[in-house]
PDB file of N, CA and C in Angstrom:
ATOM      1  N   MET A   1       9.679 -16.145 -21.135  1.00  0.00           N
ATOM      2  CA  MET A   1       9.272 -17.504 -20.872  1.00  0.00           C
ATOM      3  C   MET A   1       7.753 -17.567 -20.835  1.00  0.00           C
ATOM      4  N   ASP A   2       7.202 -18.488 -21.569  1.00  0.00           N
ATOM      5  CA  ASP A   2       5.748 -18.624 -21.636  1.00  0.00           C
ATOM      6  C   ASP A   2       5.261 -19.664 -20.630  1.00  0.00           C
ATOM      7  N   LEU A   3       4.559 -19.216 -19.616  1.00  0.00           N
ATOM      8  CA  LEU A   3       3.993 -20.111 -18.608  1.00  0.00           C
ATOM      9  C   LEU A   3       2.473 -20.175 -18.709  1.00  0.00           C
ATOM     10  N   THR A   4       1.957 -19.915 -19.906  1.00  0.00           N
ATOM     11  CA  THR A   4       0.510 -19.899 -20.115  1.00  0.00           C
ATOM     12  C   THR A   4      -0.148 -21.209 -19.697  1.00  0.00           C
ATOM     13  N   GLY A   5       0.479 -22.321 -19.981  1.00  0.00           N
ATOM     14  CA  GLY A   5      -0.109 -23.626 -19.658  1.00  0.00           C
ATOM     15  C   GLY A   5       0.256 -24.151 -18.288  1.00  0.00           C
ATOM     16  N   ALA A   6       0.860 -23.312 -17.460  1.00  0.00           N
ATOM     17  CA  ALA A   6       1.288 -23.768 -16.134  1.00  0.00           C
ATOM     18  C   ALA A   6       0.095 -24.153 -15.270  1.00  0.00           C
ATOM     19  N   VAL A   7       0.249 -25.249 -14.569  1.00  0.00           N
ATOM     20  CA  VAL A   7      -0.751 -25.695 -13.597  1.00  0.00           C
ATOM     21  C   VAL A   7      -0.158 -25.391 -12.222  1.00  0.00           C
ATOM     22  N   TRP A   8      -0.782 -24.440 -11.532  1.00  0.00           N
ATOM     23  CA  TRP A   8      -0.265 -23.954 -10.259  1.00  0.00           C
ATOM     24  C   TRP A   8      -0.892 -24.708  -9.105  1.00  0.00           C
ATOM     25  N   ARG A   9      -0.083 -25.001  -8.097  1.00  0.00           N
ATOM     26  CA  ARG A   9      -0.601 -25.664  -6.890  1.00  0.00           C
ATOM     27  C   ARG A   9       0.000 -25.012  -5.654  1.00  0.00           C
ATOM     28  N   LYS A  10      -0.770 -25.031  -4.584  1.00  0.00           N
ATOM     29  CA  LYS A  10      -0.322 -24.460  -3.311  1.00  0.00           C
ATOM     30  C   LYS A  10       0.172 -25.578  -2.404  1.00  0.00           C
ATOM     31  N   SER A  11       0.994 -25.208  -1.467  1.00  0.00           N
ATOM     32  CA  SER A  11       1.471 -26.153  -0.476  1.00  0.00           C
ATOM     33  C   SER A  11       0.322 -26.627   0.399  1.00  0.00           C
ATOM     34  N   THR A  12       0.373 -27.877   0.790  1.00  0.00           N
ATOM     35  CA  THR A  12      -0.625 -28.389   1.732  1.00  0.00           C
ATOM     36  C   THR A  12      -0.427 -27.782   3.112  1.00  0.00           C
ATOM     37  N   ARG A  13       0.705 -27.116   3.320  1.00  0.00           N
ATOM     38  CA  ARG A  13       1.003 -26.481   4.599  1.00  0.00           C
ATOM     39  C   ARG A  13       0.632 -24.998   4.625  1.00  0.00           C
ATOM     40  N   SER A  14      -0.029 -24.515   3.582  1.00  0.00           N
ATOM     41  CA  SER A  14      -0.427 -23.112   3.564  1.00  0.00           C
ATOM     42  C   SER A  14      -1.500 -22.878   4.614  1.00  0.00           C
ATOM     43  N   ASP A  15      -1.718 -21.607   4.950  1.00  0.00           N
ATOM     44  CA  ASP A  15      -2.730 -21.312   5.967  1.00  0.00           C
ATOM     45  C   ASP A  15      -4.114 -21.703   5.465  1.00  0.00           C
ATOM     46  N   ASN A  16      -5.104 -21.632   6.335  1.00  0.00           N
ATOM     47  CA  ASN A  16      -6.454 -22.099   5.997  1.00  0.00           C
ATOM     48  C   ASN A  16      -7.024 -21.458   4.743  1.00  0.00           C
ATOM     49  N   GLY A  17      -6.798 -20.167   4.578  1.00  0.00           N
ATOM     50  CA  GLY A  17      -7.314 -19.492   3.400  1.00  0.00           C
ATOM     51  C   GLY A  17      -6.386 -19.600   2.204  1.00  0.00           C
ATOM     52  N   GLY A  18      -5.171 -20.064   2.433  1.00  0.00           N
ATOM     53  CA  GLY A  18      -4.201 -20.197   1.359  1.00  0.00           C
ATOM     54  C   GLY A  18      -3.712 -18.876   0.807  1.00  0.00           C
ATOM     55  N   SER A  19      -3.864 -17.808   1.588  1.00  0.00           N
ATOM     56  CA  SER A  19      -3.521 -16.488   1.063  1.00  0.00           C
ATOM     57  C   SER A  19      -2.094 -16.055   1.387  1.00  0.00           C
ATOM     58  N   THR A  20      -1.403 -16.772   2.235  1.00  0.00           N
ATOM     59  CA  THR A  20      -0.046 -16.381   2.586  1.00  0.00           C
ATOM     60  C   THR A  20       0.932 -17.492   2.239  1.00  0.00           C
ATOM     61  N   CYS A  21       0.972 -17.828   0.987  1.00  0.00           N
ATOM     62  CA  CYS A  21       1.876 -18.884   0.567  1.00  0.00           C
ATOM     63  C   CYS A  21       2.300 -18.658  -0.883  1.00  0.00           C
ATOM     64  N   VAL A  22       3.110 -19.541  -1.353  1.00  0.00           N
ATOM     65  CA  VAL A  22       3.516 -19.499  -2.753  1.00  0.00           C
ATOM     66  C   VAL A  22       2.819 -20.620  -3.501  1.00  0.00           C
ATOM     67  N   GLU A  23       2.787 -20.485  -4.805  1.00  0.00           N
ATOM     68  CA  GLU A  23       2.266 -21.528  -5.672  1.00  0.00           C
ATOM     69  C   GLU A  23       3.396 -21.978  -6.576  1.00  0.00           C
ATOM     70  N   VAL A  24       3.395 -23.246  -6.915  1.00  0.00           N
ATOM     71  CA  VAL A  24       4.454 -23.837  -7.715  1.00  0.00           C
ATOM     72  C   VAL A  24       3.840 -24.522  -8.925  1.00  0.00           C
ATOM     73  N   ALA A  25       4.489 -24.363 -10.068  1.00  0.00           N
ATOM     74  CA  ALA A  25       4.079 -25.055 -11.295  1.00  0.00           C
ATOM     75  C   ALA A  25       5.248 -25.922 -11.748  1.00  0.00           C
ATOM     76  N   THR A  26       4.993 -27.216 -11.881  1.00  0.00           N
ATOM     77  CA  THR A  26       6.049 -28.145 -12.278  1.00  0.00           C
ATOM     78  C   THR A  26       5.732 -28.878 -13.577  1.00  0.00           C
ATOM     79  N   ASN A  27       4.696 -28.454 -14.266  1.00  0.00           N
ATOM     80  CA  ASN A  27       4.293 -29.175 -15.471  1.00  0.00           C
ATOM     81  C   ASN A  27       4.887 -28.620 -16.766  1.00  0.00           C
ATOM     82  N   ILE A  28       5.712 -27.602 -16.683  1.00  0.00           N
ATOM     83  CA  ILE A  28       6.353 -27.032 -17.869  1.00  0.00           C
ATOM     84  C   ILE A  28       7.757 -27.655 -17.984  1.00  0.00           C
ATOM     85  N   ALA A  29       8.077 -28.216 -19.126  1.00  0.00           N
ATOM     86  CA  ALA A  29       9.360 -28.899 -19.313  1.00  0.00           C
ATOM     87  C   ALA A  29      10.542 -27.967 -19.059  1.00  0.00           C
ATOM     88  N   GLY A  30      11.453 -28.401 -18.195  1.00  0.00           N
ATOM     89  CA  GLY A  30      12.695 -27.683 -17.971  1.00  0.00           C
ATOM     90  C   GLY A  30      12.642 -26.498 -17.035  1.00  0.00           C
ATOM     91  N   VAL A  31      11.486 -26.246 -16.432  1.00  0.00           N
ATOM     92  CA  VAL A  31      11.383 -25.086 -15.543  1.00  0.00           C
ATOM     93  C   VAL A  31      10.381 -25.363 -14.423  1.00  0.00           C
ATOM     94  N   VAL A  32      10.670 -24.799 -13.253  1.00  0.00           N
ATOM     95  CA  VAL A  32       9.734 -24.813 -12.130  1.00  0.00           C
ATOM     96  C   VAL A  32       9.390 -23.360 -11.852  1.00  0.00           C
ATOM     97  N   GLY A  33       8.112 -23.027 -11.940  1.00  0.00           N
ATOM     98  CA  GLY A  33       7.660 -21.664 -11.680  1.00  0.00           C
ATOM     99  C   GLY A  33       7.195 -21.512 -10.246  1.00  0.00           C
ATOM    100  N   VAL A  34       7.485 -20.359  -9.662  1.00  0.00           N
ATOM    101  CA  VAL A  34       7.072 -20.059  -8.290  1.00  0.00           C
ATOM    102  C   VAL A  34       6.500 -18.650  -8.282  1.00  0.00           C
ATOM    103  N   ARG A  35       5.322 -18.491  -7.690  1.00  0.00           N
ATOM    104  CA  ARG A  35       4.695 -17.171  -7.615  1.00  0.00           C
ATOM    105  C   ARG A  35       3.997 -16.991  -6.274  1.00  0.00           C
ATOM    106  N   ASP A  36       3.700 -15.754  -5.959  1.00  0.00           N
ATOM    107  CA  ASP A  36       2.984 -15.380  -4.740  1.00  0.00           C
ATOM    108  C   ASP A  36       1.497 -15.648  -4.953  1.00  0.00           C
ATOM    109  N   SER A  37       0.884 -16.381  -4.056  1.00  0.00           N
ATOM    110  CA  SER A  37      -0.533 -16.715  -4.216  1.00  0.00           C
ATOM    111  C   SER A  37      -1.439 -15.493  -4.119  1.00  0.00           C
ATOM    112  N   LYS A  38      -0.955 -14.406  -3.508  1.00  0.00           N
ATOM    113  CA  LYS A  38      -1.766 -13.197  -3.395  1.00  0.00           C
ATOM    114  C   LYS A  38      -1.668 -12.316  -4.631  1.00  0.00           C
ATOM    115  N   ASP A  39      -0.687 -12.595  -5.488  1.00  0.00           N
ATOM    116  CA  ASP A  39      -0.469 -11.769  -6.679  1.00  0.00           C
ATOM    117  C   ASP A  39      -0.252 -12.678  -7.893  1.00  0.00           C
ATOM    118  N   ARG A  40      -1.282 -13.382  -8.261  1.00  0.00           N
ATOM    119  CA  ARG A  40      -1.174 -14.386  -9.325  1.00  0.00           C
ATOM    120  C   ARG A  40      -0.815 -13.798 -10.682  1.00  0.00           C
ATOM    121  N   GLY A  41      -1.070 -12.533 -10.883  1.00  0.00           N
ATOM    122  CA  GLY A  41      -0.702 -11.889 -12.135  1.00  0.00           C
ATOM    123  C   GLY A  41       0.655 -11.217 -12.072  1.00  0.00           C
ATOM    124  N   GLY A  42       1.294 -11.305 -10.918  1.00  0.00           N
ATOM    125  CA  GLY A  42       2.574 -10.651 -10.706  1.00  0.00           C
ATOM    126  C   GLY A  42       3.740 -11.464 -11.220  1.00  0.00           C
ATOM    127  N   PRO A  43       4.927 -11.112 -10.765  1.00  0.00           N
ATOM    128  CA  PRO A  43       6.134 -11.776 -11.259  1.00  0.00           C
ATOM    129  C   PRO A  43       6.195 -13.249 -10.864  1.00  0.00           C
ATOM    130  N   VAL A  44       6.913 -13.999 -11.671  1.00  0.00           N
ATOM    131  CA  VAL A  44       7.126 -15.426 -11.432  1.00  0.00           C
ATOM    132  C   VAL A  44       8.630 -15.675 -11.392  1.00  0.00           C
ATOM    133  N   LEU A  45       9.062 -16.406 -10.403  1.00  0.00           N
ATOM    134  CA  LEU A  45      10.447 -16.847 -10.354  1.00  0.00           C
ATOM    135  C   LEU A  45      10.527 -18.170 -11.113  1.00  0.00           C
ATOM    136  N   ALA A  46      11.568 -18.346 -11.890  1.00  0.00           N
ATOM    137  CA  ALA A  46      11.737 -19.579 -12.656  1.00  0.00           C
ATOM    138  C   ALA A  46      13.051 -20.239 -12.265  1.00  0.00           C
ATOM    139  N   PHE A  47      12.989 -21.517 -11.951  1.00  0.00           N
ATOM    140  CA  PHE A  47      14.154 -22.291 -11.547  1.00  0.00           C
ATOM    141  C   PHE A  47      14.290 -23.505 -12.454  1.00  0.00           C
ATOM    142  N   GLY A  48      15.510 -23.936 -12.659  1.00  0.00           N
ATOM    143  CA  GLY A  48      15.737 -25.203 -13.330  1.00  0.00           C
ATOM    144  C   GLY A  48      15.377 -26.323 -12.367  1.00  0.00           C
ATOM    145  N   PRO A  49      15.023 -27.490 -12.885  1.00  0.00           N
ATOM    146  CA  PRO A  49      14.638 -28.606 -12.013  1.00  0.00           C
ATOM    147  C   PRO A  49      15.720 -28.990 -10.996  1.00  0.00           C
ATOM    148  N   THR A  50      16.985 -28.948 -11.382  1.00  0.00           N
ATOM    149  CA  THR A  50      18.065 -29.307 -10.457  1.00  0.00           C
ATOM    150  C   THR A  50      18.164 -28.301  -9.321  1.00  0.00           C
ATOM    151  N   ALA A  51      18.077 -27.029  -9.636  1.00  0.00           N
ATOM    152  CA  ALA A  51      18.121 -25.997  -8.603  1.00  0.00           C
ATOM    153  C   ALA A  51      16.931 -26.130  -7.656  1.00  0.00           C
ATOM    154  N   TRP A  52      15.751 -26.402  -8.192  1.00  0.00           N
ATOM    155  CA  TRP A  52      14.552 -26.552  -7.365  1.00  0.00           C
ATOM    156  C   TRP A  52      14.675 -27.751  -6.435  1.00  0.00           C
ATOM    157  N   THR A  53      15.172 -28.858  -6.953  1.00  0.00           N
ATOM    158  CA  THR A  53      15.360 -30.054  -6.130  1.00  0.00           C
ATOM    159  C   THR A  53      16.349 -29.774  -4.998  1.00  0.00           C
ATOM    160  N   GLY A  54      17.420 -29.051  -5.300  1.00  0.00           N
ATOM    161  CA  GLY A  54      18.391 -28.677  -4.272  1.00  0.00           C
ATOM    162  C   GLY A  54      17.785 -27.779  -3.208  1.00  0.00           C
ATOM    163  N   PHE A  55      16.971 -26.824  -3.634  1.00  0.00           N
ATOM    164  CA  PHE A  55      16.294 -25.942  -2.684  1.00  0.00           C
ATOM    165  C   PHE A  55      15.377 -26.745  -1.761  1.00  0.00           C
ATOM    166  N   LEU A  56      14.578 -27.642  -2.337  1.00  0.00           N
ATOM    167  CA  LEU A  56      13.666 -28.445  -1.520  1.00  0.00           C
ATOM    168  C   LEU A  56      14.422 -29.315  -0.524  1.00  0.00           C
ATOM    169  N   ALA A  57      15.539 -29.907  -0.968  1.00  0.00           N
ATOM    170  CA  ALA A  57      16.338 -30.741  -0.062  1.00  0.00           C
ATOM    171  C   ALA A  57      16.880 -29.911   1.099  1.00  0.00           C
ATOM    172  N   ALA A  58      17.380 -28.712   0.803  1.00  0.00           N
ATOM    173  CA  ALA A  58      17.906 -27.847   1.858  1.00  0.00           C
ATOM    174  C   ALA A  58      16.795 -27.382   2.799  1.00  0.00           C
ATOM    175  N   ALA A  59      15.645 -27.052   2.241  1.00  0.00           N
ATOM    176  CA  ALA A  59      14.527 -26.571   3.064  1.00  0.00           C
ATOM    177  C   ALA A  59      13.997 -27.670   3.981  1.00  0.00           C
ATOM    178  N   THR A  60      13.871 -28.877   3.473  1.00  0.00           N
ATOM    179  CA  THR A  60      13.315 -29.958   4.297  1.00  0.00           C
ATOM    180  C   THR A  60      14.317 -30.502   5.303  1.00  0.00           C
ATOM    181  N   SER A  61      15.612 -30.323   5.052  1.00  0.00           N
ATOM    182  CA  SER A  61      16.630 -30.812   5.989  1.00  0.00           C
ATOM    183  C   SER A  61      16.851 -29.850   7.149  1.00  0.00           C
ATOM    184  N   GLY A  62      16.317 -28.641   7.036  1.00  0.00           N
ATOM    185  CA  GLY A  62      16.522 -27.634   8.070  1.00  0.00           C
ATOM    186  C   GLY A  62      17.746 -26.772   7.819  1.00  0.00           C
ATOM    187  N   ALA A  63      18.395 -26.968   6.684  1.00  0.00           N
ATOM    188  CA  ALA A  63      19.588 -26.185   6.360  1.00  0.00           C
ATOM    189  C   ALA A  63      19.256 -24.723   6.088  1.00  0.00           C
ATOM    190  N   LEU A  64      18.016 -24.430   5.743  1.00  0.00           N
ATOM    191  CA  LEU A  64      17.596 -23.048   5.497  1.00  0.00           C
ATOM    192  C   LEU A  64      16.849 -22.546   6.722  1.00  0.00           C
ATOM    193  N   ARG A  65      17.452 -21.632   7.426  1.00  0.00           N
ATOM    194  CA  ARG A  65      16.830 -21.046   8.602  1.00  0.00           C
ATOM    195  C   ARG A  65      17.019 -19.546   8.560  1.00  0.00           C
ATOM    196  N   PRO A  66      16.117 -18.786   9.161  1.00  0.00           N
ATOM    197  CA  PRO A  66      16.313 -17.332   9.239  1.00  0.00           C
ATOM    198  C   PRO A  66      17.621 -17.028   9.953  1.00  0.00           C
ATOM    199  N   ARG A  67      18.254 -15.929   9.591  1.00  0.00           N
ATOM    200  CA  ARG A  67      19.554 -15.561  10.170  1.00  0.00           C
ATOM    201  C   ARG A  67      19.542 -15.538  11.687  1.00  0.00           C
ATOM    202  N   GLY A  68      18.478 -15.095  12.291  1.00  0.00           N
ATOM    203  CA  GLY A  68      18.403 -15.015  13.750  1.00  0.00           C
ATOM    204  C   GLY A  68      18.376 -16.374  14.436  1.00  0.00           C
ATOM    205  N   ASP A  69      18.085 -17.433  13.684  1.00  0.00           N
ATOM    206  CA  ASP A  69      17.993 -18.771  14.246  1.00  0.00           C
ATOM    207  C   ASP A  69      19.296 -19.555  14.130  1.00  0.00           C
ATOM    208  N   ARG A  70      20.349 -18.946  13.602  1.00  0.00           N
ATOM    209  CA  ARG A  70      21.610 -19.689  13.413  1.00  0.00           C
ATOM    210  C   ARG A  70      22.478 -19.644  14.615  1.00  0.00           C
TER     211      ARG A  70
END
């Protein structure tokens, strides 16, 4: 998958230096890219738009919690 033209953005909720967060690219048709902001040349996870939307809905609703918090 070619993500050469991806425009990466960090969450507004990242820490002050933005070094402990992920970056997301949503400008490539049919795919949402996710990468570690500390390793920009490293691996990228790729999700379909429907899967990404489902993940965001679950994350914002509180449905995704660490195992110890259940």
